[in-house]
Amino acid sequence: MEIEKPKIIRILIFLFLIYFIPWVLVLYSGILIYFPYSKNGSSRYIRFTGPVASYLGADWTSSKEIPKVCKLAMVAAEDSEFFQHNGIHISSIISSIKENYRNKRIISGASTLTQQLIKNAFLSRNKTYFRKSREIIGAILLDLFYSKDSILTWYVNVVEFGPEIYGIKEASKVYFKKSVKDLNKRDCVVLATFLTRPIYFGSSYLKGQQPLGFQRRFHRIFISLSN
């Protein structure tokens, strides 16, 4: 028996919602269980975080405990238009597709901060167009359901700041021996600088080294916060 087109569309929409929206709704529970990468960059382990999970001993830093300058440093470092877009940056995605097509491989992802949260919390690092499509749709849905501040708070609690250093609470302890609320502007910019190459920059910093790439990125972010 042939299925009517409107019915097929409804089924597809239903499957779409079942497939993607749970990513967004799971954060409402206040507990996120995800699988960050170990120091070797390939194997993974279990970590849990979230405002509710914090009562069970998980690392979590609430929005009010995160200095405003830290939030702005993350935005300046990773997504300068974070407060303007709806989860994705369309022109950047188009430019990325063109660049990947020219190079015949995926070398650019054009991920917004929201997309990075989706990837870090729910997806792998595998560079495929299917994973990217899931990341994009997840980011759009996340932006629909959450405030920018909520997204940013989840981001800094989930993102990688160094070798097996996930979340701003652990990063503050490891790098500066202080609580998140006591971080100053320089501390916040250092953490934001780590984001592009967390293992390399983080490991170097712990050894008292600051590679040229780190210095250039640090100064760019620091100056942008001063303007």
N, C-alpha and C. Protein backbone atom coordinates (compact mmCIF):
# COMPACT_ATOMS: atom_id res chain seq x y z
N MET A 1 0.85 -1.20 0.00
CA MET A 1 0.00 0.00 0.00
C MET A 1 0.89 1.25 0.00
N GLU A 2 0.56 2.18 -0.85
CA GLU A 2 1.36 3.40 -0.97
C GLU A 2 1.04 4.35 0.17
N ILE A 3 2.07 4.89 0.79
CA ILE A 3 1.88 5.83 1.90
C ILE A 3 1.76 7.25 1.35
N GLU A 4 0.80 8.00 1.84
CA GLU A 4 0.58 9.37 1.37
C GLU A 4 1.77 10.25 1.75
N LYS A 5 2.06 11.21 0.88
CA LYS A 5 3.21 12.10 1.10
C LYS A 5 3.13 12.87 2.41
N PRO A 6 1.96 13.45 2.75
CA PRO A 6 1.87 14.18 4.03
C PRO A 6 2.22 13.29 5.23
N LYS A 7 1.82 12.00 5.13
CA LYS A 7 2.11 11.08 6.22
C LYS A 7 3.61 10.80 6.30
N ILE A 8 4.24 10.64 5.14
CA ILE A 8 5.69 10.42 5.10
C ILE A 8 6.42 11.60 5.72
N ILE A 9 5.98 12.81 5.39
CA ILE A 9 6.60 14.03 5.92
C ILE A 9 6.47 14.07 7.44
N ARG A 10 5.28 13.70 7.95
CA ARG A 10 5.07 13.71 9.40
C ARG A 10 5.96 12.68 10.09
N ILE A 11 6.12 11.53 9.45
CA ILE A 11 6.98 10.49 10.02
C ILE A 11 8.43 10.97 10.07
N LEU A 12 8.87 11.60 8.97
CA LEU A 12 10.24 12.11 8.91
C LEU A 12 10.48 13.18 9.96
N ILE A 13 9.50 14.06 10.13
CA ILE A 13 9.62 15.12 11.15
C ILE A 13 9.71 14.50 12.54
N PHE A 14 8.86 13.49 12.77
CA PHE A 14 8.86 12.81 14.07
C PHE A 14 10.22 12.17 14.35
N LEU A 15 10.74 11.46 13.34
CA LEU A 15 12.04 10.82 13.49
C LEU A 15 13.15 11.84 13.71
N PHE A 16 13.04 12.96 13.01
CA PHE A 16 14.01 14.05 13.16
C PHE A 16 14.03 14.56 14.60
N LEU A 17 12.82 14.80 15.15
CA LEU A 17 12.72 15.33 16.51
C LEU A 17 13.24 14.33 17.53
N ILE A 18 12.91 13.06 17.34
CA ILE A 18 13.38 12.02 18.26
C ILE A 18 14.90 11.92 18.22
N TYR A 19 15.45 12.12 17.03
CA TYR A 19 16.89 11.94 16.84
C TYR A 19 17.71 13.08 17.42
N PHE A 20 17.22 14.31 17.31
CA PHE A 20 18.03 15.46 17.69
C PHE A 20 17.65 16.13 19.01
N ILE A 21 16.38 16.31 19.28
CA ILE A 21 15.98 17.10 20.43
C ILE A 21 16.44 16.53 21.77
N PRO A 22 16.53 15.19 21.95
CA PRO A 22 17.05 14.69 23.24
C PRO A 22 18.39 15.28 23.63
N TRP A 23 19.23 15.67 22.67
CA TRP A 23 20.49 16.32 23.00
C TRP A 23 20.25 17.56 23.82
N VAL A 24 19.24 18.30 23.39
CA VAL A 24 18.95 19.57 24.06
C VAL A 24 18.28 19.32 25.40
N LEU A 25 17.31 18.43 25.41
CA LEU A 25 16.53 18.21 26.62
C LEU A 25 17.35 17.58 27.74
N VAL A 26 18.37 16.80 27.40
CA VAL A 26 19.17 16.15 28.44
C VAL A 26 19.86 17.18 29.32
N LEU A 27 20.18 18.34 28.78
CA LEU A 27 20.83 19.38 29.59
C LEU A 27 19.87 19.96 30.62
N TYR A 28 18.57 19.91 30.32
CA TYR A 28 17.58 20.39 31.28
C TYR A 28 17.56 19.55 32.56
N SER A 29 18.03 18.32 32.45
CA SER A 29 18.06 17.46 33.63
C SER A 29 19.08 17.94 34.65
N GLY A 30 20.05 18.73 34.16
CA GLY A 30 21.11 19.22 35.04
C GLY A 30 22.23 18.23 35.23
N ILE A 31 22.17 17.11 34.49
CA ILE A 31 23.23 16.10 34.56
C ILE A 31 23.63 15.72 33.14
N LEU A 32 24.90 15.87 32.83
CA LEU A 32 25.42 15.45 31.54
C LEU A 32 26.51 14.42 31.75
N ILE A 33 26.31 13.25 31.17
CA ILE A 33 27.34 12.21 31.18
C ILE A 33 27.89 12.12 29.77
N TYR A 34 29.17 12.39 29.62
CA TYR A 34 29.75 12.38 28.28
C TYR A 34 31.13 11.72 28.32
N PHE A 35 31.77 11.64 27.16
CA PHE A 35 32.99 10.85 27.03
C PHE A 35 34.13 11.68 26.44
N PRO A 36 34.81 12.47 27.28
CA PRO A 36 35.96 13.25 26.79
C PRO A 36 37.14 12.35 26.47
N TYR A 37 38.12 12.93 25.80
CA TYR A 37 39.30 12.16 25.36
C TYR A 37 40.41 12.17 26.40
N SER A 38 41.13 11.06 26.45
CA SER A 38 42.30 10.95 27.33
C SER A 38 43.47 11.73 26.71
N LYS A 39 44.60 11.72 27.39
CA LYS A 39 45.77 12.48 26.94
C LYS A 39 46.25 12.04 25.56
N ASN A 40 46.04 10.78 25.23
CA ASN A 40 46.52 10.29 23.93
C ASN A 40 45.67 10.76 22.77
N GLY A 41 44.52 11.38 23.05
CA GLY A 41 43.69 11.95 22.00
C GLY A 41 42.84 10.96 21.25
N SER A 42 42.88 9.68 21.63
CA SER A 42 42.07 8.69 20.92
C SER A 42 41.12 7.94 21.85
N SER A 43 41.63 7.41 22.97
CA SER A 43 40.76 6.71 23.92
C SER A 43 39.92 7.72 24.71
N ARG A 44 38.79 7.25 25.24
CA ARG A 44 37.87 8.13 25.95
C ARG A 44 37.51 7.55 27.31
N TYR A 45 37.06 8.41 28.20
CA TYR A 45 36.63 7.97 29.51
C TYR A 45 35.33 8.70 29.89
N ILE A 46 34.72 8.30 30.97
CA ILE A 46 33.43 8.88 31.36
C ILE A 46 33.64 10.07 32.30
N ARG A 47 32.94 11.14 32.03
CA ARG A 47 32.94 12.30 32.92
C ARG A 47 31.50 12.78 33.04
N PHE A 48 31.12 13.26 34.21
CA PHE A 48 29.79 13.83 34.32
C PHE A 48 29.86 15.20 34.99
N THR A 49 28.95 16.06 34.58
CA THR A 49 28.92 17.42 35.08
C THR A 49 27.49 17.95 35.02
N GLY A 50 27.27 19.17 35.48
CA GLY A 50 25.94 19.77 35.46
C GLY A 50 25.58 20.31 36.82
N PRO A 51 24.62 21.25 36.88
CA PRO A 51 24.23 21.85 38.17
C PRO A 51 23.67 20.83 39.17
N VAL A 52 22.93 19.84 38.68
CA VAL A 52 22.41 18.80 39.57
C VAL A 52 23.51 17.80 39.91
N ALA A 53 24.32 17.48 38.92
CA ALA A 53 25.43 16.54 39.13
C ALA A 53 26.42 17.05 40.17
N SER A 54 26.49 18.37 40.34
CA SER A 54 27.43 18.94 41.32
C SER A 54 27.09 18.49 42.74
N TYR A 55 25.81 18.19 42.99
CA TYR A 55 25.41 17.70 44.32
C TYR A 55 25.88 16.26 44.55
N LEU A 56 26.29 15.62 43.44
CA LEU A 56 26.79 14.25 43.53
C LEU A 56 28.31 14.21 43.46
N GLY A 57 28.92 15.40 43.54
CA GLY A 57 30.38 15.48 43.56
C GLY A 57 31.02 15.84 42.24
N ALA A 58 30.24 16.10 41.20
CA ALA A 58 30.80 16.44 39.89
C ALA A 58 31.29 17.88 39.87
N ASP A 59 32.30 18.13 39.01
CA ASP A 59 32.78 19.49 38.83
C ASP A 59 31.75 20.31 38.08
N TRP A 60 31.34 21.43 38.64
CA TRP A 60 30.41 22.32 37.97
C TRP A 60 30.59 23.72 38.54
N THR A 61 30.59 24.70 37.67
CA THR A 61 30.68 26.10 38.09
C THR A 61 29.47 26.83 37.55
N SER A 62 28.69 27.43 38.44
CA SER A 62 27.47 28.13 38.03
C SER A 62 27.83 29.42 37.31
N SER A 63 26.86 29.97 36.60
CA SER A 63 27.08 31.19 35.83
C SER A 63 27.55 32.35 36.71
N LYS A 64 26.95 32.48 37.89
CA LYS A 64 27.28 33.61 38.76
C LYS A 64 28.70 33.52 39.32
N GLU A 65 29.27 32.31 39.33
CA GLU A 65 30.64 32.13 39.83
C GLU A 65 31.69 32.40 38.76
N ILE A 66 31.27 32.45 37.51
CA ILE A 66 32.22 32.66 36.40
C ILE A 66 32.36 34.16 36.14
N PRO A 67 33.55 34.71 36.30
CA PRO A 67 33.75 36.14 36.06
C PRO A 67 33.29 36.52 34.64
N LYS A 68 32.69 37.69 34.54
CA LYS A 68 32.22 38.15 33.23
C LYS A 68 33.35 38.21 32.21
N VAL A 69 34.53 38.61 32.66
CA VAL A 69 35.67 38.72 31.75
C VAL A 69 36.06 37.35 31.18
N CYS A 70 35.81 36.28 31.95
CA CYS A 70 36.11 34.92 31.47
C CYS A 70 35.13 34.56 30.34
N LYS A 71 33.87 34.88 30.52
CA LYS A 71 32.88 34.60 29.49
C LYS A 71 33.21 35.36 28.21
N LEU A 72 33.56 36.63 28.37
CA LEU A 72 33.89 37.46 27.20
C LEU A 72 35.16 36.98 26.52
N ALA A 73 36.11 36.47 27.30
CA ALA A 73 37.36 35.96 26.73
C ALA A 73 37.09 34.73 25.88
N MET A 74 36.21 33.84 26.34
CA MET A 74 35.86 32.64 25.57
C MET A 74 35.20 33.03 24.24
N VAL A 75 34.32 34.01 24.31
CA VAL A 75 33.62 34.47 23.11
C VAL A 75 34.61 35.12 22.14
N ALA A 76 35.49 35.96 22.68
CA ALA A 76 36.48 36.64 21.84
C ALA A 76 37.41 35.63 21.17
N ALA A 77 37.71 34.57 21.87
CA ALA A 77 38.65 33.57 21.35
C ALA A 77 38.03 32.65 20.31
N GLU A 78 36.77 32.25 20.52
CA GLU A 78 36.18 31.19 19.71
C GLU A 78 35.03 31.61 18.81
N ASP A 79 34.34 32.70 19.16
CA ASP A 79 33.12 33.00 18.40
C ASP A 79 32.70 34.45 18.67
N SER A 80 33.33 35.38 17.98
CA SER A 80 33.10 36.80 18.25
C SER A 80 31.65 37.24 17.99
N GLU A 81 30.90 36.48 17.18
CA GLU A 81 29.51 36.83 16.89
C GLU A 81 28.53 35.95 17.65
N PHE A 82 28.99 35.35 18.73
CA PHE A 82 28.17 34.43 19.52
C PHE A 82 26.83 35.04 19.94
N PHE A 83 26.84 36.28 20.36
CA PHE A 83 25.61 36.91 20.85
C PHE A 83 24.69 37.40 19.73
N GLN A 84 25.15 37.32 18.49
CA GLN A 84 24.35 37.78 17.36
C GLN A 84 23.71 36.65 16.56
N HIS A 85 24.39 35.49 16.44
CA HIS A 85 23.87 34.44 15.57
C HIS A 85 22.89 33.52 16.31
N ASN A 86 22.28 32.61 15.55
CA ASN A 86 21.29 31.68 16.09
C ASN A 86 21.85 30.26 16.21
N GLY A 87 23.07 30.16 16.67
CA GLY A 87 23.67 28.85 16.87
C GLY A 87 24.70 28.49 15.80
N ILE A 88 24.50 29.01 14.59
CA ILE A 88 25.44 28.75 13.50
C ILE A 88 25.72 30.05 12.77
N HIS A 89 26.83 30.06 12.04
CA HIS A 89 27.19 31.23 11.23
C HIS A 89 27.18 30.79 9.78
N ILE A 90 26.09 31.11 9.08
CA ILE A 90 25.86 30.58 7.74
C ILE A 90 26.96 30.94 6.75
N SER A 91 27.38 32.20 6.72
CA SER A 91 28.41 32.60 5.76
C SER A 91 29.72 31.86 6.00
N SER A 92 30.03 31.60 7.27
CA SER A 92 31.26 30.85 7.59
C SER A 92 31.15 29.40 7.13
N ILE A 93 29.96 28.84 7.27
CA ILE A 93 29.74 27.46 6.83
C ILE A 93 29.90 27.35 5.32
N ILE A 94 29.34 28.32 4.59
CA ILE A 94 29.45 28.32 3.13
C ILE A 94 30.91 28.45 2.71
N SER A 95 31.64 29.35 3.36
CA SER A 95 33.07 29.52 3.06
C SER A 95 33.85 28.25 3.36
N SER A 96 33.47 27.59 4.45
CA SER A 96 34.13 26.35 4.84
C SER A 96 33.90 25.25 3.81
N ILE A 97 32.66 25.14 3.33
CA ILE A 97 32.34 24.12 2.32
C ILE A 97 33.16 24.36 1.06
N LYS A 98 33.27 25.61 0.63
CA LYS A 98 34.05 25.94 -0.56
C LYS A 98 35.52 25.59 -0.37
N GLU A 99 36.06 25.91 0.81
CA GLU A 99 37.46 25.62 1.08
C GLU A 99 37.72 24.11 1.10
N ASN A 100 36.80 23.37 1.73
CA ASN A 100 36.94 21.91 1.77
C ASN A 100 36.84 21.31 0.38
N TYR A 101 35.97 21.87 -0.44
CA TYR A 101 35.81 21.38 -1.81
C TYR A 101 37.08 21.60 -2.63
N ARG A 102 37.70 22.78 -2.45
CA ARG A 102 38.94 23.09 -3.18
C ARG A 102 40.06 22.15 -2.77
N ASN A 103 40.09 21.80 -1.49
CA ASN A 103 41.17 20.95 -0.98
C ASN A 103 40.83 19.46 -1.02
N LYS A 104 39.59 19.16 -1.44
CA LYS A 104 39.14 17.76 -1.57
C LYS A 104 39.22 16.98 -0.25
N ARG A 105 39.14 17.68 0.85
CA ARG A 105 39.08 17.05 2.17
C ARG A 105 38.59 18.07 3.18
N ILE A 106 38.14 17.59 4.33
CA ILE A 106 37.61 18.49 5.35
C ILE A 106 38.77 19.06 6.18
N ILE A 107 39.04 20.34 5.99
CA ILE A 107 40.10 20.99 6.76
C ILE A 107 39.55 22.15 7.58
N SER A 108 38.32 22.57 7.26
CA SER A 108 37.71 23.69 7.97
C SER A 108 36.30 23.33 8.39
N GLY A 109 35.95 23.66 9.63
CA GLY A 109 34.63 23.33 10.13
C GLY A 109 33.74 24.53 10.40
N ALA A 110 34.37 25.71 10.60
CA ALA A 110 33.63 26.95 10.85
C ALA A 110 32.65 26.80 12.00
N SER A 111 33.08 26.14 13.06
CA SER A 111 32.18 25.88 14.20
C SER A 111 32.02 27.09 15.10
N THR A 112 30.78 27.37 15.45
CA THR A 112 30.50 28.40 16.46
C THR A 112 30.74 27.78 17.84
N LEU A 113 30.68 28.62 18.85
CA LEU A 113 30.85 28.13 20.21
C LEU A 113 29.74 27.13 20.55
N THR A 114 28.53 27.39 20.05
CA THR A 114 27.39 26.50 20.29
C THR A 114 27.62 25.14 19.63
N GLN A 115 28.14 25.15 18.41
CA GLN A 115 28.46 23.91 17.72
C GLN A 115 29.53 23.13 18.47
N GLN A 116 30.51 23.84 19.01
CA GLN A 116 31.57 23.18 19.76
C GLN A 116 31.02 22.48 20.99
N LEU A 117 30.05 23.11 21.65
CA LEU A 117 29.42 22.49 22.82
C LEU A 117 28.73 21.19 22.42
N ILE A 118 27.99 21.23 21.31
CA ILE A 118 27.32 20.03 20.82
C ILE A 118 28.35 18.93 20.53
N LYS A 119 29.42 19.29 19.84
CA LYS A 119 30.45 18.31 19.49
C LYS A 119 31.09 17.72 20.74
N ASN A 120 31.50 18.58 21.67
CA ASN A 120 32.20 18.12 22.86
C ASN A 120 31.33 17.25 23.76
N ALA A 121 30.05 17.60 23.84
CA ALA A 121 29.15 16.88 24.76
C ALA A 121 28.54 15.63 24.16
N PHE A 122 28.32 15.62 22.83
CA PHE A 122 27.53 14.54 22.26
C PHE A 122 28.17 13.79 21.08
N LEU A 123 29.19 14.35 20.46
CA LEU A 123 29.72 13.75 19.25
C LEU A 123 31.20 13.39 19.37
N SER A 124 31.75 12.82 18.32
CA SER A 124 33.16 12.47 18.29
C SER A 124 33.93 13.56 17.54
N ARG A 125 35.24 13.37 17.40
CA ARG A 125 36.06 14.33 16.66
C ARG A 125 36.20 13.94 15.19
N ASN A 126 35.57 12.87 14.79
CA ASN A 126 35.67 12.41 13.41
C ASN A 126 35.18 13.48 12.44
N LYS A 127 36.01 13.81 11.47
CA LYS A 127 35.66 14.86 10.52
C LYS A 127 34.90 14.27 9.33
N THR A 128 33.57 14.26 9.47
CA THR A 128 32.71 13.79 8.39
C THR A 128 31.58 14.79 8.21
N TYR A 129 31.02 14.81 7.01
CA TYR A 129 29.91 15.73 6.76
C TYR A 129 28.67 15.33 7.55
N PHE A 130 28.50 14.04 7.81
CA PHE A 130 27.35 13.59 8.59
C PHE A 130 27.46 14.12 10.02
N ARG A 131 28.65 14.00 10.62
CA ARG A 131 28.83 14.52 11.97
C ARG A 131 28.63 16.04 12.00
N LYS A 132 29.13 16.71 10.97
CA LYS A 132 28.97 18.16 10.91
C LYS A 132 27.50 18.55 10.80
N SER A 133 26.72 17.78 10.04
CA SER A 133 25.29 18.09 9.89
C SER A 133 24.58 17.92 11.23
N ARG A 134 24.95 16.89 11.97
CA ARG A 134 24.35 16.68 13.30
C ARG A 134 24.74 17.82 14.24
N GLU A 135 25.98 18.25 14.14
CA GLU A 135 26.48 19.35 14.96
C GLU A 135 25.72 20.64 14.67
N ILE A 136 25.48 20.92 13.39
CA ILE A 136 24.78 22.14 12.98
C ILE A 136 23.33 22.12 13.46
N ILE A 137 22.64 21.02 13.22
CA ILE A 137 21.23 20.92 13.64
C ILE A 137 21.12 20.98 15.15
N GLY A 138 22.02 20.29 15.84
CA GLY A 138 22.01 20.33 17.30
C GLY A 138 22.23 21.74 17.84
N ALA A 139 23.11 22.51 17.19
CA ALA A 139 23.40 23.88 17.63
C ALA A 139 22.19 24.79 17.43
N ILE A 140 21.50 24.62 16.32
CA ILE A 140 20.29 25.42 16.05
C ILE A 140 19.24 25.15 17.11
N LEU A 141 19.03 23.86 17.42
CA LEU A 141 18.04 23.49 18.44
C LEU A 141 18.45 24.00 19.82
N LEU A 142 19.73 23.88 20.13
CA LEU A 142 20.23 24.34 21.43
C LEU A 142 19.98 25.84 21.60
N ASP A 143 20.23 26.58 20.53
CA ASP A 143 20.03 28.03 20.58
C ASP A 143 18.55 28.39 20.74
N LEU A 144 17.67 27.55 20.23
CA LEU A 144 16.23 27.80 20.36
C LEU A 144 15.75 27.59 21.79
N PHE A 145 16.33 26.61 22.47
CA PHE A 145 15.85 26.21 23.79
C PHE A 145 16.56 26.90 24.95
N TYR A 146 17.78 27.40 24.71
CA TYR A 146 18.59 27.92 25.81
C TYR A 146 18.99 29.37 25.60
N SER A 147 19.21 30.07 26.70
CA SER A 147 19.73 31.42 26.62
C SER A 147 21.21 31.37 26.28
N LYS A 148 21.73 32.48 25.81
CA LYS A 148 23.16 32.54 25.48
C LYS A 148 24.02 32.28 26.73
N ASP A 149 23.58 32.80 27.86
CA ASP A 149 24.36 32.62 29.08
C ASP A 149 24.38 31.15 29.51
N SER A 150 23.25 30.46 29.34
CA SER A 150 23.20 29.03 29.69
C SER A 150 24.13 28.22 28.79
N ILE A 151 24.12 28.54 27.50
CA ILE A 151 25.00 27.84 26.56
C ILE A 151 26.46 28.07 26.93
N LEU A 152 26.78 29.31 27.24
CA LEU A 152 28.16 29.67 27.59
C LEU A 152 28.59 28.98 28.89
N THR A 153 27.67 28.88 29.84
CA THR A 153 27.98 28.22 31.11
C THR A 153 28.25 26.74 30.91
N TRP A 154 27.41 26.08 30.10
CA TRP A 154 27.64 24.67 29.80
C TRP A 154 28.97 24.51 29.05
N TYR A 155 29.23 25.41 28.14
CA TYR A 155 30.46 25.32 27.34
C TYR A 155 31.70 25.32 28.21
N VAL A 156 31.83 26.29 29.11
CA VAL A 156 33.05 26.38 29.93
C VAL A 156 33.16 25.25 30.93
N ASN A 157 32.05 24.57 31.20
CA ASN A 157 32.08 23.43 32.12
C ASN A 157 32.39 22.11 31.41
N VAL A 158 32.31 22.12 30.09
CA VAL A 158 32.51 20.89 29.31
C VAL A 158 33.80 20.90 28.50
N VAL A 159 34.21 22.07 28.02
CA VAL A 159 35.30 22.17 27.06
C VAL A 159 36.65 21.73 27.64
N GLU A 160 37.54 21.32 26.74
CA GLU A 160 38.88 20.85 27.12
C GLU A 160 39.84 22.03 27.24
N PHE A 161 40.54 22.12 28.38
CA PHE A 161 41.52 23.18 28.61
C PHE A 161 42.95 22.66 28.67
N GLY A 162 43.13 21.37 28.51
CA GLY A 162 44.46 20.79 28.59
C GLY A 162 44.36 19.27 28.60
N PRO A 163 45.48 18.58 28.74
CA PRO A 163 45.47 17.12 28.76
C PRO A 163 44.66 16.57 29.94
N GLU A 164 43.49 16.02 29.62
CA GLU A 164 42.54 15.51 30.63
C GLU A 164 42.15 16.58 31.64
N ILE A 165 42.09 17.81 31.16
CA ILE A 165 41.63 18.93 31.99
C ILE A 165 40.37 19.48 31.33
N TYR A 166 39.23 19.11 31.87
CA TYR A 166 37.95 19.51 31.29
C TYR A 166 37.16 20.36 32.28
N GLY A 167 36.61 21.45 31.78
CA GLY A 167 35.83 22.33 32.62
C GLY A 167 36.68 23.39 33.28
N ILE A 168 36.10 24.55 33.46
CA ILE A 168 36.84 25.70 33.99
C ILE A 168 37.23 25.53 35.46
N LYS A 169 36.46 24.75 36.20
CA LYS A 169 36.80 24.54 37.62
C LYS A 169 38.11 23.78 37.77
N GLU A 170 38.25 22.69 37.00
CA GLU A 170 39.48 21.91 37.04
C GLU A 170 40.65 22.72 36.49
N ALA A 171 40.40 23.47 35.41
CA ALA A 171 41.45 24.27 34.80
C ALA A 171 41.97 25.34 35.77
N SER A 172 41.08 25.98 36.50
CA SER A 172 41.48 27.01 37.47
C SER A 172 42.37 26.42 38.56
N LYS A 173 42.00 25.22 38.98
CA LYS A 173 42.75 24.54 40.04
C LYS A 173 44.15 24.13 39.55
N VAL A 174 44.21 23.55 38.35
CA VAL A 174 45.46 23.03 37.83
C VAL A 174 46.45 24.14 37.46
N TYR A 175 45.96 25.15 36.75
CA TYR A 175 46.86 26.18 36.22
C TYR A 175 47.14 27.33 37.19
N PHE A 176 46.16 27.68 38.03
CA PHE A 176 46.32 28.88 38.86
C PHE A 176 46.17 28.64 40.36
N LYS A 177 45.80 27.41 40.73
CA LYS A 177 45.62 27.07 42.16
C LYS A 177 44.64 28.02 42.84
N LYS A 178 43.55 28.33 42.16
CA LYS A 178 42.54 29.21 42.73
C LYS A 178 41.16 28.81 42.25
N SER A 179 40.12 29.34 42.87
CA SER A 179 38.75 29.03 42.46
C SER A 179 38.39 29.89 41.26
N VAL A 180 37.36 29.49 40.54
CA VAL A 180 36.95 30.19 39.33
C VAL A 180 36.60 31.65 39.61
N LYS A 181 35.89 31.91 40.68
CA LYS A 181 35.44 33.27 40.98
C LYS A 181 36.60 34.23 41.23
N ASP A 182 37.78 33.68 41.51
CA ASP A 182 38.95 34.52 41.79
C ASP A 182 39.83 34.74 40.56
N LEU A 183 39.44 34.21 39.41
CA LEU A 183 40.24 34.39 38.20
C LEU A 183 40.23 35.85 37.77
N ASN A 184 41.39 36.36 37.37
CA ASN A 184 41.46 37.73 36.87
C ASN A 184 41.48 37.74 35.34
N LYS A 185 41.61 38.91 34.77
CA LYS A 185 41.55 39.03 33.31
C LYS A 185 42.63 38.20 32.63
N ARG A 186 43.85 38.28 33.14
CA ARG A 186 44.96 37.55 32.52
C ARG A 186 44.69 36.04 32.58
N ASP A 187 44.23 35.55 33.74
CA ASP A 187 43.93 34.13 33.89
C ASP A 187 42.89 33.68 32.85
N CYS A 188 41.85 34.48 32.71
CA CYS A 188 40.77 34.14 31.79
C CYS A 188 41.25 34.10 30.35
N VAL A 189 42.11 35.03 29.99
CA VAL A 189 42.64 35.07 28.62
C VAL A 189 43.56 33.88 28.37
N VAL A 190 44.34 33.49 29.38
CA VAL A 190 45.19 32.31 29.25
C VAL A 190 44.34 31.08 28.95
N LEU A 191 43.26 30.89 29.70
CA LEU A 191 42.38 29.74 29.49
C LEU A 191 41.73 29.78 28.10
N ALA A 192 41.32 30.96 27.68
CA ALA A 192 40.71 31.11 26.36
C ALA A 192 41.73 30.81 25.26
N THR A 193 42.98 31.15 25.51
CA THR A 193 44.04 30.91 24.53
C THR A 193 44.27 29.42 24.33
N PHE A 194 44.07 28.63 25.38
CA PHE A 194 44.28 27.19 25.30
C PHE A 194 43.33 26.50 24.31
N LEU A 195 42.17 27.08 24.08
CA LEU A 195 41.07 26.36 23.43
C LEU A 195 41.39 25.78 22.05
N THR A 196 42.22 26.46 21.25
CA THR A 196 42.50 25.94 19.91
C THR A 196 43.43 24.72 19.94
N ARG A 197 44.37 24.72 20.87
CA ARG A 197 45.32 23.60 20.98
C ARG A 197 45.51 23.27 22.47
N PRO A 198 44.48 22.76 23.11
CA PRO A 198 44.51 22.59 24.57
C PRO A 198 45.63 21.69 25.10
N ILE A 199 45.90 20.59 24.42
CA ILE A 199 46.93 19.68 24.92
C ILE A 199 48.32 20.29 24.77
N TYR A 200 48.61 20.85 23.59
CA TYR A 200 49.93 21.44 23.34
C TYR A 200 50.15 22.69 24.18
N PHE A 201 49.21 23.63 24.12
CA PHE A 201 49.36 24.87 24.87
C PHE A 201 49.32 24.63 26.38
N GLY A 202 48.39 23.76 26.81
CA GLY A 202 48.26 23.47 28.24
C GLY A 202 49.50 22.80 28.80
N SER A 203 50.01 21.81 28.08
CA SER A 203 51.22 21.11 28.54
C SER A 203 52.41 22.05 28.59
N SER A 204 52.53 22.91 27.57
CA SER A 204 53.63 23.87 27.53
C SER A 204 53.55 24.84 28.69
N TYR A 205 52.35 25.31 28.98
CA TYR A 205 52.16 26.29 30.06
C TYR A 205 52.55 25.69 31.41
N LEU A 206 52.18 24.42 31.62
CA LEU A 206 52.52 23.76 32.88
C LEU A 206 54.03 23.59 33.04
N LYS A 207 54.74 23.58 31.92
CA LYS A 207 56.21 23.47 31.95
C LYS A 207 56.88 24.84 32.01
N GLY A 208 56.07 25.89 32.08
CA GLY A 208 56.62 27.24 32.14
C GLY A 208 56.99 27.79 30.78
N GLN A 209 56.46 27.17 29.72
CA GLN A 209 56.77 27.60 28.36
C GLN A 209 55.55 28.26 27.71
N GLN A 210 55.81 29.24 26.86
CA GLN A 210 54.75 29.91 26.12
C GLN A 210 55.15 30.01 24.65
N PRO A 211 54.76 29.04 23.84
CA PRO A 211 55.12 29.04 22.41
C PRO A 211 54.67 30.32 21.73
N LEU A 212 55.31 30.64 20.63
CA LEU A 212 54.99 31.87 19.90
C LEU A 212 53.52 31.93 19.51
N GLY A 213 52.96 30.81 19.08
CA GLY A 213 51.55 30.77 18.71
C GLY A 213 50.65 31.11 19.89
N PHE A 214 51.03 30.64 21.07
CA PHE A 214 50.29 30.96 22.29
C PHE A 214 50.36 32.46 22.58
N GLN A 215 51.56 33.03 22.50
CA GLN A 215 51.74 34.45 22.80
C GLN A 215 50.93 35.33 21.86
N ARG A 216 50.96 35.01 20.58
CA ARG A 216 50.23 35.82 19.60
C ARG A 216 48.73 35.77 19.85
N ARG A 217 48.23 34.56 20.11
CA ARG A 217 46.80 34.40 20.36
C ARG A 217 46.39 35.08 21.66
N PHE A 218 47.23 34.95 22.68
CA PHE A 218 46.95 35.58 23.98
C PHE A 218 46.81 37.09 23.81
N HIS A 219 47.76 37.71 23.12
CA HIS A 219 47.74 39.17 22.95
C HIS A 219 46.54 39.62 22.11
N ARG A 220 46.17 38.83 21.12
CA ARG A 220 45.03 39.19 20.29
C ARG A 220 43.74 39.20 21.13
N ILE A 221 43.56 38.17 21.95
CA ILE A 221 42.36 38.09 22.80
C ILE A 221 42.39 39.19 23.86
N PHE A 222 43.54 39.39 24.49
CA PHE A 222 43.68 40.39 25.55
C PHE A 222 43.33 41.79 25.02
N ILE A 223 43.86 42.12 23.85
CA ILE A 223 43.62 43.45 23.26
C ILE A 223 42.15 43.60 22.87
N SER A 224 41.54 42.53 22.36
CA SER A 224 40.13 42.62 21.95
C SER A 224 39.22 42.90 23.16
N LEU A 225 39.62 42.44 24.32
CA LEU A 225 38.82 42.70 25.54
C LEU A 225 39.02 44.11 26.06
N SER A 226 40.07 44.75 25.59
CA SER A 226 40.37 46.11 26.04
C SER A 226 39.67 47.16 25.19
N ASN A 227 39.21 46.75 24.01
CA ASN A 227 38.56 47.71 23.09
C ASN A 227 37.11 47.96 23.47
